[in-house]
Amino acid sequence: MTALFFSDDGIDPAVALRTDAQSLQRAYETPQARVLMVRRGRVLVRGNETISVAWFRPAELRETVEPDATTIFLGCKNGEPRFATVPTEPPVTANDRFHVPSGVDAEGYIGLYEAAMSLPPVEARLAAQAAHLASWINRTHYCGTCGARMEIVDGGHKRVCANVTCRREEFPRTDPVIITLVTHGERCLLGRQARFAPRRYSPIAGFVEPGESLETAVRREVAEEVGLRIDRVVYRGSQPWPFPASLMLGFWARSIDDRISLDDRELEDAQWFERADVAKIAAGDSSAKLAIALPPIGVIARLLIEDWIADSGELAE
């Protein structure tokens, strides 16, 4: 199985530690504690061609971090506590990642998606978690019920209204998104959004709506975007997607028919592709006759395609 960005499980969340403020403060003051910095959904790194997260000892940041920055606890790596600093800034949006410059910027920050291609998996996971929490923190400064300030507790994983008559609690938000490789016989359907990289085609994706099961969301999104009816849905896996706060839930879906009715508000094109042709593109075969690009290795969209290429018939009943 292809390793997915942001999915490394080598971090101990240390929940008992993050809910004990005194113990967490002591952990922050240990020689083993390290802190990373996120800003605008990007992570501070060292290096250019070969990059790594810029980790700091807490004492190194006392004179450089903004007074209103928030420190959050990310967990423990090999027993050593890891934290992040979150500046007060406008929260990022899902579309921001399409408009960020490539490479390391003048301040030393790099986008998470690009960083994940070079960072060790555990560092990419920590950076993604920090950016996800940072966006949530900057969206929840005030209580949605009474308007009072919200306080940070549990190492940045919970907010509580400061108004003693309210005390509303809020937790980090995760938005579920289904991504679906639709198949019909030996073909799969791939679509293209206008904002994609040139020639790139990908499985159908969309947010889960209130009151929907995941399977219902798959059927609705496919029907809305390409007008196809689905008779079988198979769950394949998931991937954290911190742009800014999504969880990608991957599926295969078998279509009853093959007549595409395109919704051009969502997609600029969608086509059926033969398994053998897609396999050549995935393998980098120079004899591939299709001039399309697949999603990059490391994202669940690519995993769904590669697993289908090697499928032994899981979608067959």
Protein backbone atom coordinates (compact mmCIF):
# COMPACT_ATOMS: atom_id res chain seq x y z
CA MET A 1 0.00 0.00 0.00
CA THR A 2 1.22 3.47 -0.87
CA ALA A 3 2.10 5.56 2.20
CA LEU A 4 -0.32 8.46 2.55
CA PHE A 5 0.77 11.96 3.54
CA PHE A 6 -0.11 13.05 7.10
CA SER A 7 -1.12 9.50 8.15
CA ASP A 8 1.91 8.39 10.15
CA ASP A 9 0.85 6.89 13.49
CA GLY A 10 4.19 7.20 15.27
CA ILE A 11 2.92 9.90 17.63
CA ASP A 12 1.59 9.23 21.13
CA PRO A 13 -1.29 11.71 21.66
CA ALA A 14 -0.64 11.54 25.43
CA VAL A 15 -4.21 12.53 26.21
CA ALA A 16 -3.72 12.20 29.97
CA LEU A 17 -0.82 14.65 29.79
CA ARG A 18 -2.61 17.28 27.71
CA THR A 19 -5.59 17.36 30.10
CA ASP A 20 -3.33 18.05 33.12
CA ALA A 21 -2.22 21.68 32.86
CA GLN A 22 0.52 21.44 35.48
CA SER A 23 2.06 18.28 34.03
CA LEU A 24 1.87 19.77 30.54
CA GLN A 25 3.70 22.89 31.68
CA ARG A 26 6.43 20.73 33.24
CA ALA A 27 6.71 18.79 29.97
CA TYR A 28 7.11 22.08 28.09
CA GLU A 29 10.00 23.02 30.37
CA THR A 30 11.95 19.76 29.95
CA PRO A 31 15.17 19.70 27.88
CA GLN A 32 13.50 17.25 25.46
CA ALA A 33 10.62 19.58 24.53
CA ARG A 34 10.59 20.97 21.00
CA VAL A 35 8.31 23.47 19.27
CA LEU A 36 7.46 24.00 15.60
CA MET A 37 5.98 27.14 14.07
CA VAL A 38 3.02 27.37 11.70
CA ARG A 39 1.69 30.39 9.87
CA ARG A 40 -0.99 30.76 7.18
CA GLY A 41 -1.31 27.00 6.93
CA ARG A 42 2.44 26.62 6.32
CA VAL A 43 5.24 25.21 8.46
CA LEU A 44 8.65 26.73 9.20
CA VAL A 45 11.45 24.54 7.84
CA ARG A 46 15.20 24.45 7.50
CA GLY A 47 16.97 23.79 4.22
CA ASN A 48 15.91 24.25 0.62
CA GLU A 49 16.61 21.15 -1.47
CA THR A 50 16.49 18.85 1.56
CA ILE A 51 14.11 20.23 4.15
CA SER A 52 13.23 19.38 7.74
CA VAL A 53 10.89 20.95 10.27
CA ALA A 54 12.57 23.78 12.18
CA TRP A 55 12.31 22.58 15.78
CA PHE A 56 13.08 24.99 18.61
CA ARG A 57 13.62 24.67 22.33
CA PRO A 58 10.96 26.70 24.15
CA ALA A 59 13.58 29.11 25.51
CA GLU A 60 14.68 29.97 21.96
CA LEU A 61 11.23 31.37 21.16
CA ARG A 62 10.67 33.65 24.13
CA GLU A 63 11.87 36.76 22.28
CA THR A 64 10.57 35.92 18.82
CA VAL A 65 7.01 34.62 19.20
CA GLU A 66 4.15 37.15 19.19
CA PRO A 67 2.77 37.92 22.68
CA ASP A 68 -0.72 36.74 21.69
CA ALA A 69 0.46 33.47 20.12
CA THR A 70 -0.99 30.23 21.46
CA THR A 71 1.11 27.20 22.36
CA ILE A 72 -0.51 23.84 21.59
CA PHE A 73 0.50 20.31 22.47
CA LEU A 74 0.87 17.85 19.58
CA GLY A 75 1.84 14.69 21.46
CA CYS A 76 5.04 12.79 22.16
CA LYS A 77 7.55 11.44 19.68
CA ASN A 78 9.62 8.66 21.23
CA GLY A 79 8.57 9.96 24.64
CA GLU A 80 9.65 13.53 23.89
CA PRO A 81 6.95 16.25 24.00
CA ARG A 82 6.20 18.16 20.80
CA PHE A 83 4.43 21.53 20.68
CA ALA A 84 3.54 24.21 18.14
CA THR A 85 3.06 27.97 18.30
CA VAL A 86 -0.07 29.42 16.67
CA PRO A 87 -0.09 33.15 15.84
CA THR A 88 -3.30 35.16 15.84
CA GLU A 89 -4.09 35.57 12.14
CA PRO A 90 -6.97 35.15 9.67
CA PRO A 91 -7.87 31.46 9.37
CA VAL A 92 -6.96 29.68 6.15
CA THR A 93 -9.58 28.36 3.74
CA ALA A 94 -9.83 25.22 1.63
CA ASN A 95 -8.87 27.17 -1.50
CA ASP A 96 -5.79 28.86 -0.03
CA ARG A 97 -3.54 25.93 -0.93
CA PHE A 98 -4.19 26.58 -4.63
CA HIS A 99 -2.77 30.09 -4.34
CA VAL A 100 0.41 29.64 -2.29
CA PRO A 101 3.86 30.08 -3.86
CA SER A 102 5.89 26.95 -4.40
CA GLY A 103 9.02 26.27 -2.41
CA VAL A 104 10.25 27.86 0.79
CA ASP A 105 9.11 31.49 1.10
CA ALA A 106 11.21 34.45 2.24
CA GLU A 107 10.35 33.78 5.89
CA GLY A 108 11.30 30.11 5.70
CA TYR A 109 7.78 28.62 5.54
CA ILE A 110 6.53 26.01 3.08
CA GLY A 111 3.07 24.67 2.24
CA LEU A 112 2.10 21.41 3.92
CA TYR A 113 1.30 19.57 0.69
CA GLU A 114 4.68 20.37 -0.78
CA ALA A 115 6.48 19.76 2.50
CA ALA A 116 4.93 16.30 2.85
CA MET A 117 6.76 15.19 -0.29
CA SER A 118 10.09 15.74 1.47
CA LEU A 119 9.51 15.59 5.22
CA PRO A 120 9.78 12.35 7.20
CA PRO A 121 6.22 11.02 7.64
CA VAL A 122 6.11 11.68 11.39
CA GLU A 123 7.15 15.32 10.88
CA ALA A 124 4.55 15.80 8.14
CA ARG A 125 1.92 14.41 10.50
CA LEU A 126 2.90 16.81 13.30
CA ALA A 127 2.99 19.80 10.94
CA ALA A 128 -0.44 18.88 9.56
CA GLN A 129 -1.91 18.52 13.03
CA ALA A 130 -0.48 21.90 14.04
CA ALA A 131 -1.90 23.64 10.95
CA HIS A 132 -5.30 22.02 11.44
CA LEU A 133 -5.49 23.14 15.08
CA ALA A 134 -4.17 26.60 14.20
CA SER A 135 -6.99 27.19 11.73
CA TRP A 136 -9.59 26.04 14.26
CA ILE A 137 -8.13 28.21 17.04
CA ASN A 138 -8.20 31.28 14.81
CA ARG A 139 -11.85 30.64 13.91
CA THR A 140 -13.03 30.32 17.50
CA HIS A 141 -11.80 33.34 19.45
CA TYR A 142 -15.35 34.14 20.56
CA CYS A 143 -18.23 32.06 21.85
CA GLY A 144 -20.92 31.37 19.28
CA THR A 145 -23.58 31.44 21.99
CA CYS A 146 -22.87 34.55 24.08
CA GLY A 147 -19.99 36.28 22.27
CA ALA A 148 -17.52 36.11 25.18
CA ARG A 149 -13.87 35.18 24.70
CA MET A 150 -13.07 31.49 24.42
CA GLU A 151 -10.24 30.11 26.56
CA ILE A 152 -7.81 27.44 25.40
CA VAL A 153 -7.57 24.27 27.52
CA ASP A 154 -6.31 20.71 27.11
CA GLY A 155 -3.14 21.81 25.32
CA GLY A 156 -5.06 23.52 22.54
CA HIS A 157 -7.52 20.69 21.87
CA LYS A 158 -10.52 22.33 23.52
CA ARG A 159 -12.01 25.79 24.02
CA VAL A 160 -14.27 26.87 26.87
CA CYS A 161 -16.30 30.08 27.04
CA ALA A 162 -14.90 32.46 29.65
CA ASN A 163 -18.42 33.58 30.61
CA VAL A 164 -19.17 31.70 33.85
CA THR A 165 -22.89 31.65 33.08
CA CYS A 166 -22.26 30.07 29.67
CA ARG A 167 -19.10 27.91 29.72
CA ARG A 168 -19.86 26.54 26.29
CA GLU A 169 -17.29 23.97 25.13
CA GLU A 170 -15.96 23.64 21.60
CA PHE A 171 -13.68 21.03 20.07
CA PRO A 172 -11.59 21.03 16.87
CA ARG A 173 -13.69 20.60 13.75
CA THR A 174 -13.04 17.94 11.13
CA ASP A 175 -15.01 18.04 7.87
CA PRO A 176 -15.67 14.65 6.24
CA VAL A 177 -15.10 14.50 2.48
CA ILE A 178 -15.83 11.44 0.36
CA ILE A 179 -13.58 10.69 -2.60
CA THR A 180 -14.80 8.00 -4.94
CA LEU A 181 -13.35 6.03 -7.82
CA VAL A 182 -16.35 5.09 -9.95
CA THR A 183 -15.98 1.95 -12.06
CA HIS A 184 -17.94 0.24 -14.81
CA GLY A 185 -16.51 -3.07 -15.94
CA GLU A 186 -12.85 -2.56 -16.83
CA ARG A 187 -13.09 1.22 -16.84
CA CYS A 188 -12.86 3.89 -14.18
CA LEU A 189 -14.24 7.41 -14.28
CA LEU A 190 -11.96 10.37 -13.63
CA GLY A 191 -12.91 14.02 -13.63
CA ARG A 192 -11.12 17.31 -13.91
CA GLN A 193 -11.71 20.61 -12.10
CA ALA A 194 -10.55 23.84 -13.71
CA ARG A 195 -8.18 24.58 -10.82
CA PHE A 196 -6.32 21.26 -11.15
CA ALA A 197 -2.76 21.14 -12.44
CA PRO A 198 -2.58 20.82 -16.24
CA ARG A 199 -3.90 17.51 -17.64
CA ARG A 200 -4.66 16.12 -14.15
CA TYR A 201 -7.71 13.92 -13.66
CA SER A 202 -8.90 12.52 -10.34
CA PRO A 203 -11.75 10.58 -8.67
CA ILE A 204 -14.99 12.36 -7.74
CA ALA A 205 -14.96 14.13 -4.35
CA GLY A 206 -17.28 16.22 -2.21
CA PHE A 207 -18.26 17.15 1.34
CA VAL A 208 -20.66 15.00 3.34
CA GLU A 209 -23.89 16.87 4.03
CA PRO A 210 -25.78 16.95 7.38
CA GLY A 211 -27.87 13.84 7.93
CA GLU A 212 -26.05 11.75 5.31
CA SER A 213 -24.32 8.43 5.69
CA LEU A 214 -21.02 8.15 3.84
CA GLU A 215 -22.56 5.77 1.32
CA THR A 216 -25.41 8.19 0.67
CA ALA A 217 -22.90 10.99 0.15
CA VAL A 218 -21.04 8.87 -2.41
CA ARG A 219 -24.22 8.21 -4.39
CA ARG A 220 -25.35 11.85 -4.21
CA GLU A 221 -22.02 13.35 -5.28
CA VAL A 222 -21.64 10.95 -8.20
CA ALA A 223 -25.21 11.62 -9.34
CA GLU A 224 -24.76 15.40 -9.03
CA GLU A 225 -21.42 15.68 -10.78
CA VAL A 226 -21.62 13.07 -13.55
CA GLY A 227 -25.24 11.82 -13.51
CA LEU A 228 -24.40 8.16 -12.80
CA ARG A 229 -26.31 5.72 -10.58
CA ILE A 230 -24.33 3.61 -8.11
CA ASP A 231 -25.29 0.10 -6.98
CA ARG A 232 -22.30 -0.92 -4.84
CA VAL A 233 -20.02 1.12 -2.56
CA VAL A 234 -16.84 -0.22 -0.94
CA TYR A 235 -14.85 1.69 1.70
CA ARG A 236 -11.07 1.70 1.02
CA GLY A 237 -9.40 3.96 3.57
CA SER A 238 -8.94 7.50 4.85
CA GLN A 239 -6.42 10.34 4.93
CA PRO A 240 -6.20 13.48 7.09
CA TRP A 241 -6.35 16.51 4.81
CA PRO A 242 -5.45 19.73 6.69
CA PHE A 243 -6.65 22.17 4.00
CA PRO A 244 -7.81 23.41 6.34
CA ALA A 245 -9.66 20.74 8.35
CA SER A 246 -10.86 17.80 6.26
CA LEU A 247 -10.75 14.02 6.50
CA MET A 248 -10.76 12.29 3.12
CA LEU A 249 -12.77 9.05 3.12
CA GLY A 250 -11.95 6.88 0.12
CA PHE A 251 -14.38 4.58 -1.72
CA TRP A 252 -14.81 2.50 -4.82
CA ALA A 253 -18.28 2.73 -6.36
CA ARG A 254 -19.72 0.57 -9.12
CA SER A 255 -21.91 2.35 -11.64
CA ILE A 256 -25.08 0.80 -13.06
CA ASP A 257 -24.71 2.67 -16.35
CA ASP A 258 -21.98 4.54 -18.20
CA ARG A 259 -23.69 7.59 -19.71
CA ILE A 260 -22.05 10.70 -18.27
CA SER A 261 -24.15 13.82 -17.68
CA LEU A 262 -21.60 16.43 -16.64
CA ASP A 263 -22.30 19.23 -14.15
CA ASP A 264 -19.95 21.87 -15.55
CA ARG A 265 -20.29 23.96 -12.36
CA GLU A 266 -18.23 21.27 -10.59
CA LEU A 267 -16.13 19.68 -13.35
CA GLU A 268 -14.84 20.87 -16.69
CA ASP A 269 -14.50 17.30 -17.96
CA ALA A 270 -15.09 13.66 -16.94
CA GLN A 271 -14.28 10.54 -18.94
CA TRP A 272 -14.12 6.76 -18.71
CA PHE A 273 -10.61 5.28 -18.89
CA GLU A 274 -9.62 1.67 -19.55
CA ARG A 275 -7.79 -0.12 -16.74
CA ALA A 276 -4.85 -1.07 -18.97
CA ASP A 277 -4.36 2.54 -20.11
CA VAL A 278 -4.51 3.90 -16.55
CA ALA A 279 -2.05 1.23 -15.43
CA LYS A 280 0.50 2.42 -18.00
CA ILE A 281 0.17 6.02 -16.84
CA ALA A 282 0.53 5.01 -13.18
CA ALA A 283 3.66 3.01 -14.01
CA GLY A 284 5.21 5.85 -16.03
CA ASP A 285 5.17 3.72 -19.18
CA SER A 286 6.28 5.83 -22.14
CA SER A 287 3.96 3.86 -24.44
CA ALA A 288 0.85 5.13 -22.64
CA LYS A 289 -1.49 6.56 -25.24
CA LEU A 290 -3.44 8.84 -22.86
CA ALA A 291 -2.07 12.34 -22.32
CA ILE A 292 -3.45 12.78 -18.81
CA ALA A 293 -1.80 13.04 -15.41
CA LEU A 294 -2.94 11.15 -12.34
CA PRO A 295 -2.95 12.53 -8.77
CA PRO A 296 0.51 12.39 -7.16
CA ILE A 297 1.73 9.50 -5.07
CA GLY A 298 0.98 10.06 -1.39
CA VAL A 299 -2.66 11.15 -1.71
CA ILE A 300 -5.67 8.90 -1.33
CA ALA A 301 -6.93 9.77 -4.82
CA ARG A 302 -3.85 8.03 -6.26
CA LEU A 303 -4.17 5.11 -3.85
CA LEU A 304 -7.74 4.44 -4.96
CA ILE A 305 -6.56 4.28 -8.57
CA GLU A 306 -3.52 2.10 -7.92
CA ASP A 307 -5.48 -0.37 -5.80
CA TRP A 308 -8.14 -0.61 -8.53
CA ILE A 309 -5.46 -1.35 -11.13
CA ALA A 310 -4.36 -4.32 -9.01
CA ASP A 311 -7.90 -5.29 -7.90
CA SER A 312 -8.82 -8.98 -7.76
CA GLY A 313 -12.56 -8.36 -7.96
CA GLU A 314 -13.69 -6.82 -4.65
CA LEU A 315 -16.41 -4.81 -6.37
CA ALA A 316 -17.93 -7.93 -7.98
CA GLU A 317 -20.80 -9.54 -6.11
